[in-house]
PDB file of N, CA and C in Angstrom:
ATOM      1  N   MET A   1     128.791  20.966  65.387  1.00  0.00           N
ATOM      2  CA  MET A   1     129.866  19.998  65.900  1.00  0.00           C
ATOM      3  C   MET A   1     131.085  20.886  66.130  1.00  0.00           C
ATOM      4  N   ALA A   2     131.421  22.061  65.117  1.00  0.00           N
ATOM      5  CA  ALA A   2     132.698  22.701  65.583  1.00  0.00           C
ATOM      6  C   ALA A   2     132.791  23.434  66.806  1.00  0.00           C
ATOM      7  N   ALA A   3     131.333  23.776  67.627  1.00  0.00           N
ATOM      8  CA  ALA A   3     131.206  24.338  68.854  1.00  0.00           C
ATOM      9  C   ALA A   3     131.883  23.757  70.070  1.00  0.00           C
ATOM     10  N   PRO A   4     131.451  22.049  70.235  1.00  0.00           N
ATOM     11  CA  PRO A   4     132.041  21.140  71.281  1.00  0.00           C
ATOM     12  C   PRO A   4     132.956  21.482  71.425  1.00  0.00           C
ATOM     13  N   ALA A   5     133.680  20.909  70.314  1.00  0.00           N
ATOM     14  CA  ALA A   5     135.259  20.649  70.227  1.00  0.00           C
ATOM     15  C   ALA A   5     136.117  21.984  71.001  1.00  0.00           C
ATOM     16  N   PRO A   6     135.670  23.321  70.660  1.00  0.00           N
ATOM     17  CA  PRO A   6     136.641  24.578  71.501  1.00  0.00           C
ATOM     18  C   PRO A   6     136.141  24.612  73.075  1.00  0.00           C
ATOM     19  N   GLY A   7     134.786  24.046  73.509  1.00  0.00           N
ATOM     20  CA  GLY A   7     134.374  23.870  74.689  1.00  0.00           C
ATOM     21  C   GLY A   7     135.429  22.820  75.707  1.00  0.00           C
ATOM     22  N   ALA A   8     135.532  21.694  74.736  1.00  0.00           N
ATOM     23  CA  ALA A   8     136.195  20.823  75.007  1.00  0.00           C
ATOM     24  C   ALA A   8     137.776  21.178  75.044  1.00  0.00           C
ATOM     25  N   ARG A   9     138.391  21.718  74.563  1.00  0.00           N
ATOM     26  CA  ARG A   9     139.760  22.316  75.013  1.00  0.00           C
ATOM     27  C   ARG A   9     139.676  23.388  75.772  1.00  0.00           C
ATOM     28  N   SER A  10     138.708  24.337  76.358  1.00  0.00           N
ATOM     29  CA  SER A  10     139.043  25.314  77.292  1.00  0.00           C
ATOM     30  C   SER A  10     138.994  24.153  79.008  1.00  0.00           C
ATOM     31  N   SER A  11     137.981  23.198  78.932  1.00  0.00           N
ATOM     32  CA  SER A  11     138.314  22.418  79.761  1.00  0.00           C
ATOM     33  C   SER A  11     139.080  21.601  80.131  1.00  0.00           C
ATOM     34  N   ASP A  12     140.450  21.584  78.943  1.00  0.00           N
ATOM     35  CA  ASP A  12     141.489  20.978  79.234  1.00  0.00           C
ATOM     36  C   ASP A  12     142.635  22.050  79.900  1.00  0.00           C
ATOM     37  N   ALA A  13     142.301  23.118  79.336  1.00  0.00           N
ATOM     38  CA  ALA A  13     143.424  24.109  79.646  1.00  0.00           C
ATOM     39  C   ALA A  13     143.311  24.045  81.178  1.00  0.00           C
ATOM     40  N   PRO A  14     142.258  24.021  82.213  1.00  0.00           N
ATOM     41  CA  PRO A  14     142.276  24.101  83.566  1.00  0.00           C
ATOM     42  C   PRO A  14     142.623  23.476  84.275  1.00  0.00           C
ATOM     43  N   ALA A  15     142.841  22.121  83.714  1.00  0.00           N
ATOM     44  CA  ALA A  15     143.482  20.604  83.926  1.00  0.00           C
ATOM     45  C   ALA A  15     145.267  21.080  83.824  1.00  0.00           C
ATOM     46  N   ALA A  16     145.228  21.276  83.027  1.00  0.00           N
ATOM     47  CA  ALA A  16     147.067  22.009  82.636  1.00  0.00           C
ATOM     48  C   ALA A  16     147.606  23.170  83.863  1.00  0.00           C
ATOM     49  N   ALA A  17     146.505  24.094  84.116  1.00  0.00           N
ATOM     50  CA  ALA A  17     146.628  25.115  85.009  1.00  0.00           C
ATOM     51  C   ALA A  17     146.765  24.050  87.080  1.00  0.00           C
ATOM     52  N   THR A  18     145.918  23.349  87.142  1.00  0.00           N
ATOM     53  CA  THR A  18     146.218  22.659  88.251  1.00  0.00           C
ATOM     54  C   THR A  18     146.873  21.592  88.347  1.00  0.00           C
ATOM     55  N   ALA A  19     148.087  21.054  87.087  1.00  0.00           N
ATOM     56  CA  ALA A  19     148.977  20.385  87.453  1.00  0.00           C
ATOM     57  C   ALA A  19     150.228  21.282  87.522  1.00  0.00           C
ATOM     58  N   THR A  20     150.413  22.387  87.315  1.00  0.00           N
ATOM     59  CA  THR A  20     151.357  23.196  87.994  1.00  0.00           C
ATOM     60  C   THR A  20     151.089  23.599  89.137  1.00  0.00           C
ATOM     61  N   THR A  21     150.121  23.482  89.926  1.00  0.00           N
ATOM     62  CA  THR A  21     150.007  23.809  91.650  1.00  0.00           C
ATOM     63  C   THR A  21     150.585  22.803  92.411  1.00  0.00           C
ATOM     64  N   PRO A  22     151.077  21.320  92.049  1.00  0.00           N
ATOM     65  CA  PRO A  22     152.035  20.705  92.658  1.00  0.00           C
ATOM     66  C   PRO A  22     153.299  21.177  92.781  1.00  0.00           C
ATOM     67  N   ALA A  23     153.461  21.628  91.860  1.00  0.00           N
ATOM     68  CA  ALA A  23     154.976  22.006  91.861  1.00  0.00           C
ATOM     69  C   ALA A  23     155.131  23.535  92.587  1.00  0.00           C
ATOM     70  N   THR A  24     154.014  24.344  92.796  1.00  0.00           N
ATOM     71  CA  THR A  24     154.789  25.290  94.128  1.00  0.00           C
ATOM     72  C   THR A  24     154.635  24.759  95.555  1.00  0.00           C
ATOM     73  N   THR A  25     154.190  23.405  95.839  1.00  0.00           N
ATOM     74  CA  THR A  25     154.375  22.847  97.498  1.00  0.00           C
ATOM     75  C   THR A  25     155.859  22.651  97.643  1.00  0.00           C
ATOM     76  N   PRO A  26     156.656  22.203  96.979  1.00  0.00           N
ATOM     77  CA  PRO A  26     158.042  22.270  97.552  1.00  0.00           C
ATOM     78  C   PRO A  26     158.539  23.632  98.040  1.00  0.00           C
ATOM     79  N   ALA A  27     158.085  24.651  97.460  1.00  0.00           N
ATOM     80  CA  ALA A  27     158.569  25.832  98.136  1.00  0.00           C
ATOM     81  C   ALA A  27     158.222  26.206  99.692  1.00  0.00           C
ATOM     82  N   THR A  28     157.309  25.512 100.172  1.00  0.00           N
ATOM     83  CA  THR A  28     157.298  25.368 101.202  1.00  0.00           C
ATOM     84  C   THR A  28     157.579  24.693 102.283  1.00  0.00           C
ATOM     85  N   THR A  29     158.812  24.039 101.698  1.00  0.00           N
ATOM     86  CA  THR A  29     159.223  22.898 102.499  1.00  0.00           C
ATOM     87  C   THR A  29     160.621  23.645 102.988  1.00  0.00           C
ATOM     88  N   PRO A  30     161.045  24.862 102.640  1.00  0.00           N
ATOM     89  CA  PRO A  30     162.372  25.106 103.394  1.00  0.00           C
ATOM     90  C   PRO A  30     162.346  25.912 104.574  1.00  0.00           C
ATOM     91  N   SER A  31     161.047  26.017 104.864  1.00  0.00           N
ATOM     92  CA  SER A  31     160.505  26.574 106.291  1.00  0.00           C
ATOM     93  C   SER A  31     160.753  25.550 107.544  1.00  0.00           C
ATOM     94  N   THR A  32     160.540  24.095 106.471  1.00  0.00           N
ATOM     95  CA  THR A  32     160.740  23.087 107.720  1.00  0.00           C
ATOM     96  C   THR A  32     162.200  22.812 107.962  1.00  0.00           C
ATOM     97  N   ALA A  33     163.058  23.670 107.259  1.00  0.00           N
ATOM     98  CA  ALA A  33     164.298  23.661 107.724  1.00  0.00           C
ATOM     99  C   ALA A  33     164.653  24.427 108.337  1.00  0.00           C
ATOM    100  N   MET A  34     164.041  25.460 108.944  1.00  0.00           N
ATOM    101  CA  MET A  34     164.563  26.304 110.119  1.00  0.00           C
ATOM    102  C   MET A  34     164.861  25.820 111.592  1.00  0.00           C
ATOM    103  N   PRO A  35     165.599  26.023 112.565  1.00  0.00           N
ATOM    104  CA  PRO A  35     166.147  25.137 113.710  1.00  0.00           C
ATOM    105  C   PRO A  35     165.009  25.401 114.334  1.00  0.00           C
ATOM    106  N   LYS A  36     164.660  24.141 115.339  1.00  0.00           N
ATOM    107  CA  LYS A  36     163.404  24.027 116.210  1.00  0.00           C
ATOM    108  C   LYS A  36     164.217  24.227 117.572  1.00  0.00           C
ATOM    109  N   HIS A  37     163.540  25.245 118.228  1.00  0.00           N
ATOM    110  CA  HIS A  37     163.876  25.418 119.478  1.00  0.00           C
ATOM    111  C   HIS A  37     162.556  25.200 120.527  1.00  0.00           C
ATOM    112  N   GLU A  38     162.823  24.533 121.732  1.00  0.00           N
ATOM    113  CA  GLU A  38     161.948  24.259 122.746  1.00  0.00           C
ATOM    114  C   GLU A  38     162.028  25.118 124.308  1.00  0.00           C
ATOM    115  N   PHE A  39     160.747  25.774 124.461  1.00  0.00           N
ATOM    116  CA  PHE A  39     161.027  26.781 125.499  1.00  0.00           C
ATOM    117  C   PHE A  39     160.119  26.128 126.923  1.00  0.00           C
ATOM    118  N   SER A  40     160.315  26.478 128.024  1.00  0.00           N
ATOM    119  CA  SER A  40     159.127  26.443 129.012  1.00  0.00           C
ATOM    120  C   SER A  40     158.815  27.667 129.453  1.00  0.00           C
ATOM    121  N   VAL A  41     157.356  28.050 129.507  1.00  0.00           N
ATOM    122  CA  VAL A  41     156.490  29.353 129.407  1.00  0.00           C
ATOM    123  C   VAL A  41     155.956  28.847 130.432  1.00  0.00           C
ATOM    124  N   ASP A  42     155.817  29.881 131.911  1.00  0.00           N
ATOM    125  CA  ASP A  42     154.933  29.411 132.943  1.00  0.00           C
ATOM    126  C   ASP A  42     153.360  30.089 132.584  1.00  0.00           C
ATOM    127  N   MET A  43     152.879  29.089 131.389  1.00  0.00           N
ATOM    128  CA  MET A  43     151.519  29.820 131.199  1.00  0.00           C
ATOM    129  C   MET A  43     150.306  28.800 132.081  1.00  0.00           C
ATOM    130  N   THR A  44     149.533  29.556 132.403  1.00  0.00           N
ATOM    131  CA  THR A  44     148.365  28.379 133.298  1.00  0.00           C
ATOM    132  C   THR A  44     146.990  28.457 132.603  1.00  0.00           C
ATOM    133  N   CYS A  45     146.814  29.512 131.939  1.00  0.00           N
ATOM    134  CA  CYS A  45     145.337  29.640 130.897  1.00  0.00           C
ATOM    135  C   CYS A  45     145.640  29.966 129.530  1.00  0.00           C
ATOM    136  N   GLU A  46     144.479  30.278 128.471  1.00  0.00           N
ATOM    137  CA  GLU A  46     144.446  30.586 127.325  1.00  0.00           C
ATOM    138  C   GLU A  46     145.097  31.589 127.141  1.00  0.00           C
ATOM    139  N   GLY A  47     144.530  32.876 128.017  1.00  0.00           N
ATOM    140  CA  GLY A  47     145.485  34.063 128.262  1.00  0.00           C
ATOM    141  C   GLY A  47     146.425  33.905 127.823  1.00  0.00           C
ATOM    142  N   CYS A  48     147.293  33.324 128.648  1.00  0.00           N
ATOM    143  CA  CYS A  48     148.988  33.158 128.497  1.00  0.00           C
ATOM    144  C   CYS A  48     149.320  32.611 127.308  1.00  0.00           C
ATOM    145  N   SER A  49     148.607  31.511 126.718  1.00  0.00           N
ATOM    146  CA  SER A  49     149.094  31.158 125.463  1.00  0.00           C
ATOM    147  C   SER A  49     148.611  32.186 123.907  1.00  0.00           C
ATOM    148  N   ASN A  50     147.604  32.512 124.202  1.00  0.00           N
ATOM    149  CA  ASN A  50     147.518  33.682 123.849  1.00  0.00           C
ATOM    150  C   ASN A  50     148.171  35.238 123.566  1.00  0.00           C
ATOM    151  N   ALA A  51     149.296  35.502 125.073  1.00  0.00           N
ATOM    152  CA  ALA A  51     150.194  36.419 125.172  1.00  0.00           C
ATOM    153  C   ALA A  51     151.607  35.983 124.277  1.00  0.00           C
ATOM    154  N   VAL A  52     151.634  34.565 124.457  1.00  0.00           N
ATOM    155  CA  VAL A  52     152.743  33.941 123.524  1.00  0.00           C
ATOM    156  C   VAL A  52     152.439  34.477 122.379  1.00  0.00           C
ATOM    157  N   SER A  53     151.521  33.880 121.906  1.00  0.00           N
ATOM    158  CA  SER A  53     151.175  34.063 120.450  1.00  0.00           C
ATOM    159  C   SER A  53     151.138  35.600 119.740  1.00  0.00           C
ATOM    160  N   ARG A  54     150.758  36.551 120.724  1.00  0.00           N
ATOM    161  CA  ARG A  54     150.650  37.579 119.753  1.00  0.00           C
ATOM    162  C   ARG A  54     152.194  38.266 119.541  1.00  0.00           C
ATOM    163  N   VAL A  55     153.366  37.929 120.683  1.00  0.00           N
ATOM    164  CA  VAL A  55     154.566  38.605 120.801  1.00  0.00           C
ATOM    165  C   VAL A  55     155.299  37.523 119.682  1.00  0.00           C
ATOM    166  N   LEU A  56     154.997  36.474 119.563  1.00  0.00           N
ATOM    167  CA  LEU A  56     155.786  35.772 118.319  1.00  0.00           C
ATOM    168  C   LEU A  56     155.565  36.121 117.081  1.00  0.00           C
ATOM    169  N   ASN A  57     154.011  36.560 116.947  1.00  0.00           N
ATOM    170  CA  ASN A  57     153.269  36.756 115.465  1.00  0.00           C
ATOM    171  C   ASN A  57     154.237  38.368 115.204  1.00  0.00           C
ATOM    172  N   LYS A  58     154.649  39.309 116.597  1.00  0.00           N
ATOM    173  CA  LYS A  58     154.988  40.453 115.893  1.00  0.00           C
ATOM    174  C   LYS A  58     156.077  39.939 115.980  1.00  0.00           C
ATOM    175  N   LEU A  59     156.814  39.151 116.282  1.00  0.00           N
ATOM    176  CA  LEU A  59     158.220  38.934 115.985  1.00  0.00           C
ATOM    177  C   LEU A  59     158.574  38.915 114.202  1.00  0.00           C
ATOM    178  N   GLY A  60     157.622  37.869 113.791  1.00  0.00           N
ATOM    179  CA  GLY A  60     157.534  37.498 112.533  1.00  0.00           C
ATOM    180  C   GLY A  60     158.519  36.040 112.243  1.00  0.00           C
ATOM    181  N   GLY A  61     158.990  35.778 111.311  1.00  0.00           N
ATOM    182  CA  GLY A  61     159.750  34.668 110.640  1.00  0.00           C
ATOM    183  C   GLY A  61     159.545  33.387 111.779  1.00  0.00           C
ATOM    184  N   VAL A  62     158.723  33.050 112.446  1.00  0.00           N
ATOM    185  CA  VAL A  62     158.771  32.028 113.461  1.00  0.00           C
ATOM    186  C   VAL A  62     157.330  31.476 112.866  1.00  0.00           C
ATOM    187  N   GLU A  63     157.616  29.689 113.306  1.00  0.00           N
ATOM    188  CA  GLU A  63     156.430  28.834 113.380  1.00  0.00           C
ATOM    189  C   GLU A  63     156.334  28.367 114.726  1.00  0.00           C
ATOM    190  N   PHE A  64     155.330  28.174 115.443  1.00  0.00           N
ATOM    191  CA  PHE A  64     155.427  27.812 116.746  1.00  0.00           C
ATOM    192  C   PHE A  64     154.066  26.951 117.046  1.00  0.00           C
ATOM    193  N   ASP A  65     154.323  25.811 118.105  1.00  0.00           N
ATOM    194  CA  ASP A  65     153.457  25.480 118.546  1.00  0.00           C
ATOM    195  C   ASP A  65     153.376  25.124 120.376  1.00  0.00           C
ATOM    196  N   ILE A  66     152.390  25.650 120.817  1.00  0.00           N
ATOM    197  CA  ILE A  66     151.923  25.741 122.358  1.00  0.00           C
ATOM    198  C   ILE A  66     151.330  24.617 122.809  1.00  0.00           C
ATOM    199  N   ASP A  67     152.162  23.913 123.757  1.00  0.00           N
ATOM    200  CA  ASP A  67     151.342  23.354 124.464  1.00  0.00           C
ATOM    201  C   ASP A  67     151.245  23.847 125.890  1.00  0.00           C
ATOM    202  N   LEU A  68     149.729  24.128 126.262  1.00  0.00           N
ATOM    203  CA  LEU A  68     149.371  24.300 127.413  1.00  0.00           C
ATOM    204  C   LEU A  68     149.661  23.872 128.624  1.00  0.00           C
ATOM    205  N   PRO A  69     149.271  22.506 128.586  1.00  0.00           N
ATOM    206  CA  PRO A  69     149.150  21.388 129.465  1.00  0.00           C
ATOM    207  C   PRO A  69     150.258  21.394 130.239  1.00  0.00           C
ATOM    208  N   ASN A  70     151.393  21.179 129.527  1.00  0.00           N
ATOM    209  CA  ASN A  70     153.093  21.071 129.674  1.00  0.00           C
ATOM    210  C   ASN A  70     153.791  22.570 129.600  1.00  0.00           C
ATOM    211  N   LYS A  71     153.145  23.559 129.481  1.00  0.00           N
ATOM    212  CA  LYS A  71     154.379  24.747 129.333  1.00  0.00           C
ATOM    213  C   LYS A  71     154.770  24.622 128.864  1.00  0.00           C
ATOM    214  N   LYS A  72     155.003  24.538 127.404  1.00  0.00           N
ATOM    215  CA  LYS A  72     156.061  24.200 126.699  1.00  0.00           C
ATOM    216  C   LYS A  72     155.664  24.921 125.315  1.00  0.00           C
ATOM    217  N   VAL A  73     156.375  25.662 124.731  1.00  0.00           N
ATOM    218  CA  VAL A  73     156.715  26.195 123.250  1.00  0.00           C
ATOM    219  C   VAL A  73     157.672  25.746 122.670  1.00  0.00           C
ATOM    220  N   CYS A  74     157.152  24.977 121.178  1.00  0.00           N
ATOM    221  CA  CYS A  74     158.088  24.902 120.398  1.00  0.00           C
ATOM    222  C   CYS A  74     158.381  25.656 119.093  1.00  0.00           C
ATOM    223  N   ILE A  75     159.476  26.456 119.039  1.00  0.00           N
ATOM    224  CA  ILE A  75     159.485  27.784 117.838  1.00  0.00           C
ATOM    225  C   ILE A  75     160.410  26.964 116.727  1.00  0.00           C
ATOM    226  N   SER A  76     160.156  27.514 115.287  1.00  0.00           N
ATOM    227  CA  SER A  76     160.622  27.086 114.395  1.00  0.00           C
ATOM    228  C   SER A  76     160.975  28.728 113.990  1.00  0.00           C
ATOM    229  N   SER A  77     162.634  29.048 113.893  1.00  0.00           N
ATOM    230  CA  SER A  77     162.878  30.001 113.307  1.00  0.00           C
ATOM    231  C   SER A  77     164.591  30.244 113.084  1.00  0.00           C
ATOM    232  N   ASP A  78     164.891  30.941 112.174  1.00  0.00           N
ATOM    233  CA  ASP A  78     166.268  31.589 112.166  1.00  0.00           C
ATOM    234  C   ASP A  78     166.758  32.605 113.470  1.00  0.00           C
ATOM    235  N   HIS A  79     165.746  33.008 113.876  1.00  0.00           N
ATOM    236  CA  HIS A  79     166.212  34.035 115.104  1.00  0.00           C
ATOM    237  C   HIS A  79     167.127  33.348 115.811  1.00  0.00           C
ATOM    238  N   SER A  80     168.157  34.018 116.515  1.00  0.00           N
ATOM    239  CA  SER A  80     168.656  33.613 117.450  1.00  0.00           C
ATOM    240  C   SER A  80     167.669  33.402 118.876  1.00  0.00           C
ATOM    241  N   VAL A  81     168.425  32.501 119.722  1.00  0.00           N
ATOM    242  CA  VAL A  81     167.787  31.961 120.662  1.00  0.00           C
ATOM    243  C   VAL A  81     167.373  33.273 121.724  1.00  0.00           C
ATOM    244  N   ASP A  82     168.846  33.962 121.814  1.00  0.00           N
ATOM    245  CA  ASP A  82     168.424  35.131 122.613  1.00  0.00           C
ATOM    246  C   ASP A  82     167.351  36.202 122.076  1.00  0.00           C
ATOM    247  N   ILE A  83     167.218  35.922 120.879  1.00  0.00           N
ATOM    248  CA  ILE A  83     166.026  36.940 120.494  1.00  0.00           C
ATOM    249  C   ILE A  83     164.891  36.483 120.880  1.00  0.00           C
ATOM    250  N   LEU A  84     164.540  34.861 120.708  1.00  0.00           N
ATOM    251  CA  LEU A  84     163.210  34.565 121.132  1.00  0.00           C
ATOM    252  C   LEU A  84     163.211  34.276 122.627  1.00  0.00           C
ATOM    253  N   LEU A  85     164.253  34.298 123.323  1.00  0.00           N
ATOM    254  CA  LEU A  85     163.800  34.422 124.558  1.00  0.00           C
ATOM    255  C   LEU A  85     163.522  35.767 125.230  1.00  0.00           C
ATOM    256  N   GLU A  86     164.172  36.938 124.975  1.00  0.00           N
ATOM    257  CA  GLU A  86     163.764  37.977 124.938  1.00  0.00           C
ATOM    258  C   GLU A  86     162.015  38.732 124.798  1.00  0.00           C
ATOM    259  N   THR A  87     161.917  37.833 123.188  1.00  0.00           N
ATOM    260  CA  THR A  87     160.356  37.985 122.775  1.00  0.00           C
ATOM    261  C   THR A  87     159.647  37.186 123.792  1.00  0.00           C
ATOM    262  N   LEU A  88     159.957  35.710 124.005  1.00  0.00           N
ATOM    263  CA  LEU A  88     158.508  35.469 125.218  1.00  0.00           C
ATOM    264  C   LEU A  88     158.797  35.835 126.393  1.00  0.00           C
ATOM    265  N   GLU A  89     160.058  36.578 126.881  1.00  0.00           N
ATOM    266  CA  GLU A  89     159.909  37.370 128.215  1.00  0.00           C
ATOM    267  C   GLU A  89     158.588  38.803 128.381  1.00  0.00           C
ATOM    268  N   LYS A  90     158.626  39.068 127.115  1.00  0.00           N
ATOM    269  CA  LYS A  90     157.754  40.198 126.857  1.00  0.00           C
ATOM    270  C   LYS A  90     156.482  39.815 127.111  1.00  0.00           C
ATOM    271  N   THR A  91     155.856  38.662 127.707  1.00  0.00           N
ATOM    272  CA  THR A  91     154.611  38.164 127.890  1.00  0.00           C
ATOM    273  C   THR A  91     154.907  38.395 129.568  1.00  0.00           C
ATOM    274  N   GLY A  92     155.813  38.684 130.186  1.00  0.00           N
ATOM    275  CA  GLY A  92     155.845  38.859 131.597  1.00  0.00           C
ATOM    276  C   GLY A  92     155.708  37.400 132.194  1.00  0.00           C
ATOM    277  N   LYS A  93     155.901  36.625 131.741  1.00  0.00           N
ATOM    278  CA  LYS A  93     155.898  35.088 132.409  1.00  0.00           C
ATOM    279  C   LYS A  93     156.795  34.522 132.403  1.00  0.00           C
ATOM    280  N   ALA A  94     157.581  33.473 133.313  1.00  0.00           N
ATOM    281  CA  ALA A  94     158.857  32.910 133.298  1.00  0.00           C
ATOM    282  C   ALA A  94     159.165  32.166 132.523  1.00  0.00           C
ATOM    283  N   VAL A  95     160.064  32.075 131.688  1.00  0.00           N
ATOM    284  CA  VAL A  95     160.682  31.603 130.587  1.00  0.00           C
ATOM    285  C   VAL A  95     162.012  31.160 131.016  1.00  0.00           C
ATOM    286  N   SER A  96     162.470  29.911 130.091  1.00  0.00           N
ATOM    287  CA  SER A  96     163.665  29.077 129.985  1.00  0.00           C
ATOM    288  C   SER A  96     163.802  28.147 128.721  1.00  0.00           C
ATOM    289  N   TYR A  97     164.830  28.290 128.207  1.00  0.00           N
ATOM    290  CA  TYR A  97     165.302  27.497 127.357  1.00  0.00           C
ATOM    291  C   TYR A  97     165.517  25.953 127.640  1.00  0.00           C
ATOM    292  N   LEU A  98     164.604  25.239 127.015  1.00  0.00           N
ATOM    293  CA  LEU A  98     165.271  23.612 126.969  1.00  0.00           C
ATOM    294  C   LEU A  98     165.978  23.437 126.428  1.00  0.00           C
ATOM    295  N   GLY A  99     166.115  23.591 125.071  1.00  0.00           N
ATOM    296  CA  GLY A  99     167.188  23.257 124.240  1.00  0.00           C
ATOM    297  C   GLY A  99     166.443  23.025 122.827  1.00  0.00           C
ATOM    298  N   PRO A 100     167.442  22.534 121.957  1.00  0.00           N
ATOM    299  CA  PRO A 100     167.101  22.266 120.391  1.00  0.00           C
ATOM    300  C   PRO A 100     165.982  20.961 120.407  1.00  0.00           C
ATOM    301  N   LYS A 101     164.859  20.944 119.593  1.00  0.00           N
ATOM    302  CA  LYS A 101     163.750  20.181 119.139  1.00  0.00           C
ATOM    303  C   LYS A 101     164.109  19.284 118.007  1.00  0.00           C
TER     304      LYS A 101
END
């Protein structure tokens, strides 16, 4: 009879560990506090959008969404608009800043 009791306690321990994991989710919310900027990028194909992804991933510190049909890129970042523009221009595509999102 003593053996089932320790087994029951060990199953309670993982439940306590999973209870602490939701506390870590608010740590991801500060990334949503970054300013959002919208850019027009002359993208015509998936290769163009892949080029945009590559340069933004190299820059780091950004979250972005690419809207290929509308030729828009929305970037959440603490980087300045000038840095983001320079980075997007590395794709060789025409780029313009549309404004904050």
